[in-house]
Amino acid sequence: MSGFTEFFACMRLCGDKWGDMRILPRGESVQTPQSSGAFFGLGVSQTVCVAPDARGSVVLFCAKQAITRLNIEAGERLLPMADEGKVLDALLRLVDNERHLLYDGGRFFACIRLSCDDMSICPYPAENAVVTVTLWHETADVKLCERRVCADAQANIFQRGLACELARQKGYDSALLLDGVYKRYILGLADADIFFRIDDRVVSPVFDGVPKSIVSGCAAELMRDWGIEVDEKRLSADELVQMHLAGRLSEVFSVDMYNIVSSIVCIDGLDSQVLSSGGKLSRKLFDAIVNIGAGTYPAPHGWIQRI
């Protein structure tokens, strides 16, 4: 079972200070975390994974980093930036208020959203700015899934949800996004960051101006700790196909904002179909992230916070 919890946290911008933080009953809602994305210029959001550990504590993954990223994106879109300490406090209080739900198994996804309905064209509009923190409770088992994706050169980073939905209508699990300028460079999946194991290293594709998730950086940090070289560079669809045909591509996997690692077994829509079998690295990465949440695997410095 899954759904939003009964309560949410909110605070408003009063003058130049954030205050009036309250935890309120949520009421009825049909939203899901995937459908609560920000509108360009009006709001930004970040997701934090929250899970119980073996000691009876609650673990928050990269909460401080997520709030900092929220403010970076707010500044880029001319929105007022939040008080990071107060947002973290609101998140901690809400999780502590709802933590009893975790005793029956599962985890939370905390959606931190900063929005403003002031449509005036000026930097940092101060009217009607609000920060909300909502919790999505998920009780399904977390497992390493195999996914099939199709390439989509028409969608851009602001159409991720649409690209993912169209891919699912065609029988795929997600869409592989290509850049809108050259229509050849890989941006990532519509709902996750993607990694390619080529020869003895891992390639994490990047493209100018397209941000990567915090979880993606954490996954790269883990692999580097294991002695695996992780290259962040441009990677074209043509290069990927050539490496696959040459037998140099051994594994493809993704990591999404919910800390879920998936094995990508098929990529359609390129000049040649790219096939990959599940590998040891994706399984090792999946196990490490799950066990970090359970408190049975050491987390890199600054990754987690326990309450």
C-alpha atoms as a PDB file:
ATOM      1  CA  MET A   1       0.000   0.000   0.000  1.00  0.00           C
ATOM      2  CA  SER A   2       1.068   3.594  -0.544  1.00  0.00           C
ATOM      3  CA  GLY A   3      -0.241   7.125  -0.209  1.00  0.00           C
ATOM      4  CA  PHE A   4       0.301  10.506   1.361  1.00  0.00           C
ATOM      5  CA  THR A   5       0.417  10.653   5.135  1.00  0.00           C
ATOM      6  CA  GLU A   6      -2.261  12.464   7.095  1.00  0.00           C
ATOM      7  CA  PHE A   7      -0.207  15.566   7.883  1.00  0.00           C
ATOM      8  CA  PHE A   8       2.085  17.983   6.041  1.00  0.00           C
ATOM      9  CA  ALA A   9       4.328  20.873   7.097  1.00  0.00           C
ATOM     10  CA  CYS A  10       4.230  24.384   5.707  1.00  0.00           C
ATOM     11  CA  MET A  11       5.724  27.823   6.276  1.00  0.00           C
ATOM     12  CA  ARG A  12       5.308  31.223   4.631  1.00  0.00           C
ATOM     13  CA  LEU A  13       7.581  34.116   3.764  1.00  0.00           C
ATOM     14  CA  CYS A  14       6.654  37.159   5.828  1.00  0.00           C
ATOM     15  CA  GLY A  15       8.592  40.185   4.669  1.00  0.00           C
ATOM     16  CA  ASP A  16      12.133  38.897   4.364  1.00  0.00           C
ATOM     17  CA  LYS A  17      11.859  36.075   6.912  1.00  0.00           C
ATOM     18  CA  TRP A  18      10.366  32.604   6.789  1.00  0.00           C
ATOM     19  CA  GLY A  19       8.051  31.744   9.668  1.00  0.00           C
ATOM     20  CA  ASP A  20       4.653  30.470  10.744  1.00  0.00           C
ATOM     21  CA  MET A  21       5.812  26.850  10.417  1.00  0.00           C
ATOM     22  CA  ARG A  22       2.905  24.527  11.113  1.00  0.00           C
ATOM     23  CA  ILE A  23       2.058  20.852  10.790  1.00  0.00           C
ATOM     24  CA  LEU A  24      -1.490  20.570   9.452  1.00  0.00           C
ATOM     25  CA  PRO A  25      -3.909  17.788   8.468  1.00  0.00           C
ATOM     26  CA  ARG A  26      -3.532  17.054   4.813  1.00  0.00           C
ATOM     27  CA  GLY A  27      -7.065  15.968   3.970  1.00  0.00           C
ATOM     28  CA  GLU A  28      -8.045  14.161   0.805  1.00  0.00           C
ATOM     29  CA  SER A  29      -5.614  14.231  -2.135  1.00  0.00           C
ATOM     30  CA  VAL A  30      -5.166  12.319  -5.361  1.00  0.00           C
ATOM     31  CA  GLN A  31      -1.632  13.533  -6.044  1.00  0.00           C
ATOM     32  CA  THR A  32       1.403  11.286  -6.211  1.00  0.00           C
ATOM     33  CA  PRO A  33       5.059  12.300  -5.828  1.00  0.00           C
ATOM     34  CA  GLN A  34       5.519  11.897  -9.577  1.00  0.00           C
ATOM     35  CA  SER A  35       2.647  14.274 -10.391  1.00  0.00           C
ATOM     36  CA  SER A  36       3.640  16.999  -7.951  1.00  0.00           C
ATOM     37  CA  GLY A  37       6.505  18.390 -10.056  1.00  0.00           C
ATOM     38  CA  ALA A  38       7.213  22.096 -10.210  1.00  0.00           C
ATOM     39  CA  PHE A  39       5.961  24.464 -12.894  1.00  0.00           C
ATOM     40  CA  PHE A  40       8.738  26.416 -14.568  1.00  0.00           C
ATOM     41  CA  GLY A  41       9.161  29.816 -12.954  1.00  0.00           C
ATOM     42  CA  LEU A  42       6.559  29.193 -10.254  1.00  0.00           C
ATOM     43  CA  GLY A  43       8.052  26.503  -8.064  1.00  0.00           C
ATOM     44  CA  VAL A  44      10.870  24.073  -7.438  1.00  0.00           C
ATOM     45  CA  SER A  45      10.946  20.801  -5.541  1.00  0.00           C
ATOM     46  CA  GLN A  46      13.326  18.184  -4.217  1.00  0.00           C
ATOM     47  CA  THR A  47      12.729  14.660  -2.948  1.00  0.00           C
ATOM     48  CA  VAL A  48      14.341  13.086   0.119  1.00  0.00           C
ATOM     49  CA  CYS A  49      14.202   9.345   0.829  1.00  0.00           C
ATOM     50  CA  VAL A  50      13.420   8.436   4.438  1.00  0.00           C
ATOM     51  CA  ALA A  51      13.675   4.891   5.841  1.00  0.00           C
ATOM     52  CA  PRO A  52      13.806   3.066   9.200  1.00  0.00           C
ATOM     53  CA  ASP A  53      17.075   1.450  10.218  1.00  0.00           C
ATOM     54  CA  ALA A  54      17.901  -1.622  12.273  1.00  0.00           C
ATOM     55  CA  ARG A  55      18.461   0.454  15.421  1.00  0.00           C
ATOM     56  CA  GLY A  56      14.927   1.849  15.537  1.00  0.00           C
ATOM     57  CA  SER A  57      15.997   5.247  14.192  1.00  0.00           C
ATOM     58  CA  VAL A  58      14.817   6.993  11.054  1.00  0.00           C
ATOM     59  CA  VAL A  59      17.368   7.717   8.299  1.00  0.00           C
ATOM     60  CA  LEU A  60      17.128  10.716   5.959  1.00  0.00           C
ATOM     61  CA  PHE A  61      19.190  10.512   2.775  1.00  0.00           C
ATOM     62  CA  CYS A  62      21.007  13.721   1.781  1.00  0.00           C
ATOM     63  CA  ALA A  63      18.376  16.005   3.300  1.00  0.00           C
ATOM     64  CA  LYS A  64      20.714  18.987   3.704  1.00  0.00           C
ATOM     65  CA  GLN A  65      22.006  18.606   0.155  1.00  0.00           C
ATOM     66  CA  ALA A  66      18.450  18.475  -1.182  1.00  0.00           C
ATOM     67  CA  ILE A  67      17.484  21.699   0.581  1.00  0.00           C
ATOM     68  CA  THR A  68      20.621  23.431  -0.709  1.00  0.00           C
ATOM     69  CA  ARG A  69      19.782  22.240  -4.249  1.00  0.00           C
ATOM     70  CA  LEU A  70      16.240  23.566  -3.761  1.00  0.00           C
ATOM     71  CA  ASN A  71      17.623  27.038  -3.063  1.00  0.00           C
ATOM     72  CA  ILE A  72      20.013  26.897  -6.013  1.00  0.00           C
ATOM     73  CA  GLU A  73      17.120  26.126  -8.358  1.00  0.00           C
ATOM     74  CA  ALA A  74      14.952  28.775  -6.674  1.00  0.00           C
ATOM     75  CA  GLY A  75      17.608  31.404  -7.313  1.00  0.00           C
ATOM     76  CA  GLU A  76      17.905  30.352 -10.951  1.00  0.00           C
ATOM     77  CA  ARG A  77      14.147  30.835 -11.402  1.00  0.00           C
ATOM     78  CA  LEU A  78      13.941  34.167  -9.576  1.00  0.00           C
ATOM     79  CA  LEU A  79      12.096  32.727  -6.596  1.00  0.00           C
ATOM     80  CA  PRO A  80      12.735  33.677  -2.965  1.00  0.00           C
ATOM     81  CA  MET A  81      15.184  31.279  -1.357  1.00  0.00           C
ATOM     82  CA  ALA A  82      14.164  29.352   1.749  1.00  0.00           C
ATOM     83  CA  ASP A  83      15.763  29.385   5.174  1.00  0.00           C
ATOM     84  CA  GLU A  84      17.600  26.061   4.989  1.00  0.00           C
ATOM     85  CA  GLY A  85      17.690  25.531   8.745  1.00  0.00           C
ATOM     86  CA  LYS A  86      13.946  26.081   9.107  1.00  0.00           C
ATOM     87  CA  VAL A  87      13.125  23.802   6.176  1.00  0.00           C
ATOM     88  CA  LEU A  88      15.270  21.039   7.681  1.00  0.00           C
ATOM     89  CA  ASP A  89      13.559  21.544  11.036  1.00  0.00           C
ATOM     90  CA  ALA A  90      10.125  21.305   9.372  1.00  0.00           C
ATOM     91  CA  LEU A  91      11.167  18.091   7.629  1.00  0.00           C
ATOM     92  CA  LEU A  92      12.499  16.546  10.844  1.00  0.00           C
ATOM     93  CA  ARG A  93       9.393  17.476  12.824  1.00  0.00           C
ATOM     94  CA  LEU A  94       7.050  16.093  10.174  1.00  0.00           C
ATOM     95  CA  VAL A  95       8.960  12.816   9.883  1.00  0.00           C
ATOM     96  CA  ASP A  96       9.039  12.469  13.667  1.00  0.00           C
ATOM     97  CA  ASN A  97       5.278  13.127  13.776  1.00  0.00           C
ATOM     98  CA  GLU A  98       4.576  10.379  11.219  1.00  0.00           C
ATOM     99  CA  ARG A  99       7.350   7.899  12.047  1.00  0.00           C
ATOM    100  CA  HIS A 100       4.886   5.414  13.594  1.00  0.00           C
ATOM    101  CA  LEU A 101       3.904   4.457  10.039  1.00  0.00           C
ATOM    102  CA  LEU A 102       7.402   3.073   9.455  1.00  0.00           C
ATOM    103  CA  TYR A 103       7.068   0.529  12.235  1.00  0.00           C
ATOM    104  CA  ASP A 104       4.875  -1.573   9.925  1.00  0.00           C
ATOM    105  CA  GLY A 105       7.523  -1.526   7.194  1.00  0.00           C
ATOM    106  CA  GLY A 106       8.217   0.708   4.221  1.00  0.00           C
ATOM    107  CA  ARG A 107       9.709   4.153   3.831  1.00  0.00           C
ATOM    108  CA  PHE A 108       8.798   7.779   3.155  1.00  0.00           C
ATOM    109  CA  PHE A 109       9.512  10.000   0.203  1.00  0.00           C
ATOM    110  CA  ALA A 110       9.545  13.594   1.422  1.00  0.00           C
ATOM    111  CA  CYS A 111       8.694  16.160  -1.252  1.00  0.00           C
ATOM    112  CA  ILE A 112      10.010  19.618  -0.324  1.00  0.00           C
ATOM    113  CA  ARG A 113       8.419  22.249  -2.533  1.00  0.00           C
ATOM    114  CA  LEU A 114       8.959  26.005  -2.695  1.00  0.00           C
ATOM    115  CA  SER A 115       6.363  27.876  -4.718  1.00  0.00           C
ATOM    116  CA  CYS A 116       5.089  31.388  -5.319  1.00  0.00           C
ATOM    117  CA  ASP A 117       2.020  32.569  -7.222  1.00  0.00           C
ATOM    118  CA  ASP A 118       3.279  36.136  -7.649  1.00  0.00           C
ATOM    119  CA  MET A 119       3.378  36.561 -11.442  1.00  0.00           C
ATOM    120  CA  SER A 120       5.158  39.938 -11.419  1.00  0.00           C
ATOM    121  CA  ILE A 121       8.343  40.075 -13.457  1.00  0.00           C
ATOM    122  CA  CYS A 122      10.927  40.972 -10.844  1.00  0.00           C
ATOM    123  CA  PRO A 123      13.690  39.104  -9.043  1.00  0.00           C
ATOM    124  CA  TYR A 124      12.791  37.240  -5.874  1.00  0.00           C
ATOM    125  CA  PRO A 125       9.062  37.986  -5.592  1.00  0.00           C
ATOM    126  CA  ALA A 126       8.105  38.004  -1.936  1.00  0.00           C
ATOM    127  CA  GLU A 127       4.329  37.746  -2.159  1.00  0.00           C
ATOM    128  CA  ASN A 128       2.584  34.440  -1.473  1.00  0.00           C
ATOM    129  CA  ALA A 129       5.782  32.372  -1.236  1.00  0.00           C
ATOM    130  CA  VAL A 130       5.339  29.107   0.647  1.00  0.00           C
ATOM    131  CA  VAL A 131       7.355  25.995   1.466  1.00  0.00           C
ATOM    132  CA  THR A 132       5.493  22.720   1.926  1.00  0.00           C
ATOM    133  CA  VAL A 133       6.813  19.339   2.989  1.00  0.00           C
ATOM    134  CA  THR A 134       4.658  16.294   2.212  1.00  0.00           C
ATOM    135  CA  LEU A 135       5.352  12.633   2.941  1.00  0.00           C
ATOM    136  CA  TRP A 136       4.487   9.755   0.657  1.00  0.00           C
ATOM    137  CA  HIS A 137       4.426   6.440   2.538  1.00  0.00           C
ATOM    138  CA  GLU A 138       5.436   3.406   0.465  1.00  0.00           C
ATOM    139  CA  THR A 139       5.144  -0.115   1.902  1.00  0.00           C
ATOM    140  CA  ALA A 140       6.099  -2.093  -1.212  1.00  0.00           C
ATOM    141  CA  ASP A 141       9.300  -4.123  -1.107  1.00  0.00           C
ATOM    142  CA  VAL A 142      12.329  -2.455  -2.681  1.00  0.00           C
ATOM    143  CA  LYS A 143      13.970  -4.712  -5.254  1.00  0.00           C
ATOM    144  CA  LEU A 144      16.395  -4.547  -8.142  1.00  0.00           C
ATOM    145  CA  CYS A 145      14.184  -4.314 -11.247  1.00  0.00           C
ATOM    146  CA  GLU A 146      14.962  -4.866 -14.908  1.00  0.00           C
ATOM    147  CA  ARG A 147      13.702  -2.056 -17.160  1.00  0.00           C
ATOM    148  CA  ARG A 148      13.224  -1.515 -20.892  1.00  0.00           C
ATOM    149  CA  VAL A 149      13.495   2.027 -22.266  1.00  0.00           C
ATOM    150  CA  CYS A 150      13.101   3.780 -25.629  1.00  0.00           C
ATOM    151  CA  ALA A 151      15.030   6.798 -26.903  1.00  0.00           C
ATOM    152  CA  ASP A 152      13.162  10.106 -27.264  1.00  0.00           C
ATOM    153  CA  ALA A 153      14.873  13.051 -28.944  1.00  0.00           C
ATOM    154  CA  GLN A 154      11.732  15.215 -28.890  1.00  0.00           C
ATOM    155  CA  ALA A 155      11.256  15.616 -25.118  1.00  0.00           C
ATOM    156  CA  ASN A 156      13.283  18.046 -23.028  1.00  0.00           C
ATOM    157  CA  ILE A 157      14.129  18.196 -19.336  1.00  0.00           C
ATOM    158  CA  PHE A 158      10.864  20.023 -18.607  1.00  0.00           C
ATOM    159  CA  GLN A 159       8.813  17.253 -20.246  1.00  0.00           C
ATOM    160  CA  ARG A 160      10.144  14.319 -18.262  1.00  0.00           C
ATOM    161  CA  GLY A 161       6.744  13.253 -16.955  1.00  0.00           C
ATOM    162  CA  LEU A 162       5.176  13.353 -20.411  1.00  0.00           C
ATOM    163  CA  ALA A 163       8.066  11.436 -21.982  1.00  0.00           C
ATOM    164  CA  CYS A 164       7.811   8.762 -19.292  1.00  0.00           C
ATOM    165  CA  GLU A 165       4.042   8.404 -19.752  1.00  0.00           C
ATOM    166  CA  LEU A 166       4.328   8.121 -23.558  1.00  0.00           C
ATOM    167  CA  ALA A 167       7.040   5.481 -23.155  1.00  0.00           C
ATOM    168  CA  ARG A 168       4.808   3.454 -20.852  1.00  0.00           C
ATOM    169  CA  GLN A 169       1.947   3.646 -23.343  1.00  0.00           C
ATOM    170  CA  LYS A 170       4.287   2.013 -25.859  1.00  0.00           C
ATOM    171  CA  GLY A 171       5.103  -0.802 -23.437  1.00  0.00           C
ATOM    172  CA  TYR A 172       8.385   0.561 -22.058  1.00  0.00           C
ATOM    173  CA  ASP A 173       9.299   1.438 -18.503  1.00  0.00           C
ATOM    174  CA  SER A 174      10.819   4.845 -19.244  1.00  0.00           C
ATOM    175  CA  ALA A 175      12.289   7.076 -21.955  1.00  0.00           C
ATOM    176  CA  LEU A 176      15.955   7.760 -22.686  1.00  0.00           C
ATOM    177  CA  LEU A 177      16.170  11.515 -23.274  1.00  0.00           C
ATOM    178  CA  LEU A 178      18.453  12.929 -25.962  1.00  0.00           C
ATOM    179  CA  ASP A 179      19.429  16.590 -26.199  1.00  0.00           C
ATOM    180  CA  GLY A 180      17.102  18.895 -28.124  1.00  0.00           C
ATOM    181  CA  VAL A 181      19.862  20.702 -30.024  1.00  0.00           C
ATOM    182  CA  TYR A 182      21.876  17.958 -31.715  1.00  0.00           C
ATOM    183  CA  LYS A 183      19.393  15.152 -30.933  1.00  0.00           C
ATOM    184  CA  ARG A 184      22.259  12.779 -30.270  1.00  0.00           C
ATOM    185  CA  TYR A 185      23.699  13.350 -26.782  1.00  0.00           C
ATOM    186  CA  ILE A 186      22.292  11.317 -23.882  1.00  0.00           C
ATOM    187  CA  LEU A 187      20.750  13.310 -21.015  1.00  0.00           C
ATOM    188  CA  GLY A 188      19.519  10.420 -18.876  1.00  0.00           C
ATOM    189  CA  LEU A 189      16.214   8.678 -18.317  1.00  0.00           C
ATOM    190  CA  ALA A 190      12.997  10.639 -17.924  1.00  0.00           C
ATOM    191  CA  ASP A 191      12.742   9.490 -14.305  1.00  0.00           C
ATOM    192  CA  ALA A 192      16.328   8.629 -13.326  1.00  0.00           C
ATOM    193  CA  ASP A 193      20.030   9.127 -14.026  1.00  0.00           C
ATOM    194  CA  ILE A 194      21.697   6.468 -16.146  1.00  0.00           C
ATOM    195  CA  PHE A 195      25.140   4.853 -15.986  1.00  0.00           C
ATOM    196  CA  PHE A 196      27.002   2.757 -18.561  1.00  0.00           C
ATOM    197  CA  ARG A 197      29.759   0.326 -17.653  1.00  0.00           C
ATOM    198  CA  ILE A 198      32.164   0.470 -20.585  1.00  0.00           C
ATOM    199  CA  ASP A 199      35.350  -1.581 -20.440  1.00  0.00           C
ATOM    200  CA  ASP A 200      36.673  -1.164 -16.884  1.00  0.00           C
ATOM    201  CA  ARG A 201      35.048   2.184 -16.076  1.00  0.00           C
ATOM    202  CA  VAL A 202      31.588   3.707 -15.643  1.00  0.00           C
ATOM    203  CA  VAL A 203      30.359   6.588 -17.787  1.00  0.00           C
ATOM    204  CA  SER A 204      27.789   9.003 -16.371  1.00  0.00           C
ATOM    205  CA  PRO A 205      26.572  11.110 -19.330  1.00  0.00           C
ATOM    206  CA  VAL A 206      26.352  14.870 -18.860  1.00  0.00           C
ATOM    207  CA  PHE A 207      25.219  17.677 -21.135  1.00  0.00           C
ATOM    208  CA  ASP A 208      25.530  21.445 -20.811  1.00  0.00           C
ATOM    209  CA  GLY A 209      23.051  22.936 -18.359  1.00  0.00           C
ATOM    210  CA  VAL A 210      21.267  19.674 -17.493  1.00  0.00           C
ATOM    211  CA  PRO A 211      21.501  19.056 -13.723  1.00  0.00           C
ATOM    212  CA  LYS A 212      22.111  15.611 -12.298  1.00  0.00           C
ATOM    213  CA  SER A 213      20.368  14.391  -9.175  1.00  0.00           C
ATOM    214  CA  ILE A 214      21.961  14.341  -5.738  1.00  0.00           C
ATOM    215  CA  VAL A 215      21.486  10.571  -5.592  1.00  0.00           C
ATOM    216  CA  SER A 216      23.445  10.219  -8.838  1.00  0.00           C
ATOM    217  CA  GLY A 217      26.406  11.987  -7.244  1.00  0.00           C
ATOM    218  CA  CYS A 218      26.146   9.727  -4.207  1.00  0.00           C
ATOM    219  CA  ALA A 219      26.156   6.614  -6.397  1.00  0.00           C
ATOM    220  CA  ALA A 220      29.236   7.888  -8.230  1.00  0.00           C
ATOM    221  CA  GLU A 221      30.950   8.548  -4.892  1.00  0.00           C
ATOM    222  CA  LEU A 222      30.260   4.984  -3.748  1.00  0.00           C
ATOM    223  CA  MET A 223      31.668   3.483  -6.949  1.00  0.00           C
ATOM    224  CA  ARG A 224      34.801   5.620  -6.708  1.00  0.00           C
ATOM    225  CA  ASP A 225      35.269   4.397  -3.123  1.00  0.00           C
ATOM    226  CA  TRP A 226      35.249   0.858  -4.574  1.00  0.00           C
ATOM    227  CA  GLY A 227      38.094   1.794  -6.925  1.00  0.00           C
ATOM    228  CA  ILE A 228      35.920   2.131 -10.031  1.00  0.00           C
ATOM    229  CA  GLU A 229      36.671   5.032 -12.362  1.00  0.00           C
ATOM    230  CA  VAL A 230      33.540   7.124 -13.010  1.00  0.00           C
ATOM    231  CA  ASP A 231      33.732   9.511 -15.973  1.00  0.00           C
ATOM    232  CA  GLU A 232      31.200  12.322 -16.220  1.00  0.00           C
ATOM    233  CA  LYS A 233      31.265  13.391 -19.852  1.00  0.00           C
ATOM    234  CA  ARG A 234      29.219  13.800 -23.010  1.00  0.00           C
ATOM    235  CA  LEU A 235      28.125  10.526 -24.542  1.00  0.00           C
ATOM    236  CA  SER A 236      26.308  10.356 -27.857  1.00  0.00           C
ATOM    237  CA  ALA A 237      23.835   7.691 -28.901  1.00  0.00           C
ATOM    238  CA  ASP A 238      26.141   6.833 -31.825  1.00  0.00           C
ATOM    239  CA  GLU A 239      29.071   6.221 -29.471  1.00  0.00           C
ATOM    240  CA  LEU A 240      26.901   4.052 -27.249  1.00  0.00           C
ATOM    241  CA  VAL A 241      25.759   1.887 -30.149  1.00  0.00           C
ATOM    242  CA  GLN A 242      29.332   1.514 -31.434  1.00  0.00           C
ATOM    243  CA  MET A 243      30.597   0.428 -28.010  1.00  0.00           C
ATOM    244  CA  HIS A 244      27.727  -2.035 -27.686  1.00  0.00           C
ATOM    245  CA  LEU A 245      28.443  -3.575 -31.120  1.00  0.00           C
ATOM    246  CA  ALA A 246      32.143  -3.800 -30.235  1.00  0.00           C
ATOM    247  CA  GLY A 247      31.326  -5.743 -27.063  1.00  0.00           C
ATOM    248  CA  ARG A 248      32.649  -3.001 -24.782  1.00  0.00           C
ATOM    249  CA  LEU A 249      29.340  -2.246 -23.036  1.00  0.00           C
ATOM    250  CA  SER A 250      28.906  -4.717 -20.189  1.00  0.00           C
ATOM    251  CA  GLU A 251      26.208  -3.153 -18.016  1.00  0.00           C
ATOM    252  CA  VAL A 252      23.582  -0.370 -17.977  1.00  0.00           C
ATOM    253  CA  PHE A 253      21.769   0.736 -14.845  1.00  0.00           C
ATOM    254  CA  SER A 254      19.925   3.718 -13.402  1.00  0.00           C
ATOM    255  CA  VAL A 255      19.521   5.404 -10.022  1.00  0.00           C
ATOM    256  CA  ASP A 256      16.404   7.494  -9.377  1.00  0.00           C
ATOM    257  CA  MET A 257      15.522  10.176  -6.841  1.00  0.00           C
ATOM    258  CA  TYR A 258      13.966   7.547  -4.585  1.00  0.00           C
ATOM    259  CA  ASN A 259      17.324   5.752  -4.113  1.00  0.00           C
ATOM    260  CA  ILE A 260      16.189   2.834  -6.279  1.00  0.00           C
ATOM    261  CA  VAL A 261      18.759   1.138  -8.515  1.00  0.00           C
ATOM    262  CA  SER A 262      17.418  -0.569 -11.652  1.00  0.00           C
ATOM    263  CA  SER A 263      19.120  -2.665 -14.321  1.00  0.00           C
ATOM    264  CA  ILE A 264      18.471  -1.465 -17.884  1.00  0.00           C
ATOM    265  CA  VAL A 265      18.230  -4.540 -20.112  1.00  0.00           C
ATOM    266  CA  CYS A 266      17.082  -2.964 -23.393  1.00  0.00           C
ATOM    267  CA  ILE A 267      17.298   0.429 -25.119  1.00  0.00           C
ATOM    268  CA  ASP A 268      15.192   0.790 -28.276  1.00  0.00           C
ATOM    269  CA  GLY A 269      14.871   3.673 -30.707  1.00  0.00           C
ATOM    270  CA  LEU A 270      18.556   4.069 -31.559  1.00  0.00           C
ATOM    271  CA  ASP A 271      20.244   3.004 -34.807  1.00  0.00           C
ATOM    272  CA  SER A 272      20.668  -0.424 -33.271  1.00  0.00           C
ATOM    273  CA  GLN A 273      18.953  -2.041 -30.300  1.00  0.00           C
ATOM    274  CA  VAL A 274      21.167  -1.992 -27.198  1.00  0.00           C
ATOM    275  CA  LEU A 275      20.827  -5.056 -24.990  1.00  0.00           C
ATOM    276  CA  SER A 276      22.426  -5.600 -21.598  1.00  0.00           C
ATOM    277  CA  SER A 277      22.125  -8.281 -18.964  1.00  0.00           C
ATOM    278  CA  GLY A 278      22.038  -7.489 -15.261  1.00  0.00           C
ATOM    279  CA  GLY A 279      25.538  -7.189 -13.842  1.00  0.00           C
ATOM    280  CA  LYS A 280      27.390  -7.411 -10.559  1.00  0.00           C
ATOM    281  CA  LEU A 281      27.922  -3.672 -10.199  1.00  0.00           C
ATOM    282  CA  SER A 282      24.240  -2.722 -10.246  1.00  0.00           C
ATOM    283  CA  ARG A 283      23.516  -5.455  -7.685  1.00  0.00           C
ATOM    284  CA  LYS A 284      26.378  -4.261  -5.464  1.00  0.00           C
ATOM    285  CA  LEU A 285      25.189  -0.661  -5.712  1.00  0.00           C
ATOM    286  CA  PHE A 286      21.593  -1.656  -4.961  1.00  0.00           C
ATOM    287  CA  ASP A 287      22.632  -3.675  -1.895  1.00  0.00           C
ATOM    288  CA  ALA A 288      24.880  -0.890  -0.611  1.00  0.00           C
ATOM    289  CA  ILE A 289      22.183   1.803  -0.806  1.00  0.00           C
ATOM    290  CA  VAL A 290      19.570  -0.449   0.834  1.00  0.00           C
ATOM    291  CA  ASN A 291      21.975  -1.418   3.612  1.00  0.00           C
ATOM    292  CA  ILE A 292      23.023   2.193   4.196  1.00  0.00           C
ATOM    293  CA  GLY A 293      19.356   2.933   4.840  1.00  0.00           C
ATOM    294  CA  ALA A 294      19.121  -0.033   7.195  1.00  0.00           C
ATOM    295  CA  GLY A 295      22.193   1.133   9.086  1.00  0.00           C
ATOM    296  CA  THR A 296      24.185  -2.015   8.289  1.00  0.00           C
ATOM    297  CA  TYR A 297      26.576  -0.474   5.736  1.00  0.00           C
ATOM    298  CA  PRO A 298      28.809   2.564   6.368  1.00  0.00           C
ATOM    299  CA  ALA A 299      27.573   5.678   4.588  1.00  0.00           C
ATOM    300  CA  PRO A 300      29.992   8.208   3.074  1.00  0.00           C
ATOM    301  CA  HIS A 301      30.410  11.354   5.164  1.00  0.00           C
ATOM    302  CA  GLY A 302      27.421  13.690   5.083  1.00  0.00           C
ATOM    303  CA  TRP A 303      25.052  11.300   3.317  1.00  0.00           C
ATOM    304  CA  ILE A 304      22.566  10.560   6.064  1.00  0.00           C
ATOM    305  CA  GLN A 305      20.953  12.058   9.129  1.00  0.00           C
ATOM    306  CA  ARG A 306      19.271  10.000  11.847  1.00  0.00           C
ATOM    307  CA  ILE A 307      16.413  11.033  14.106  1.00  0.00           C
END
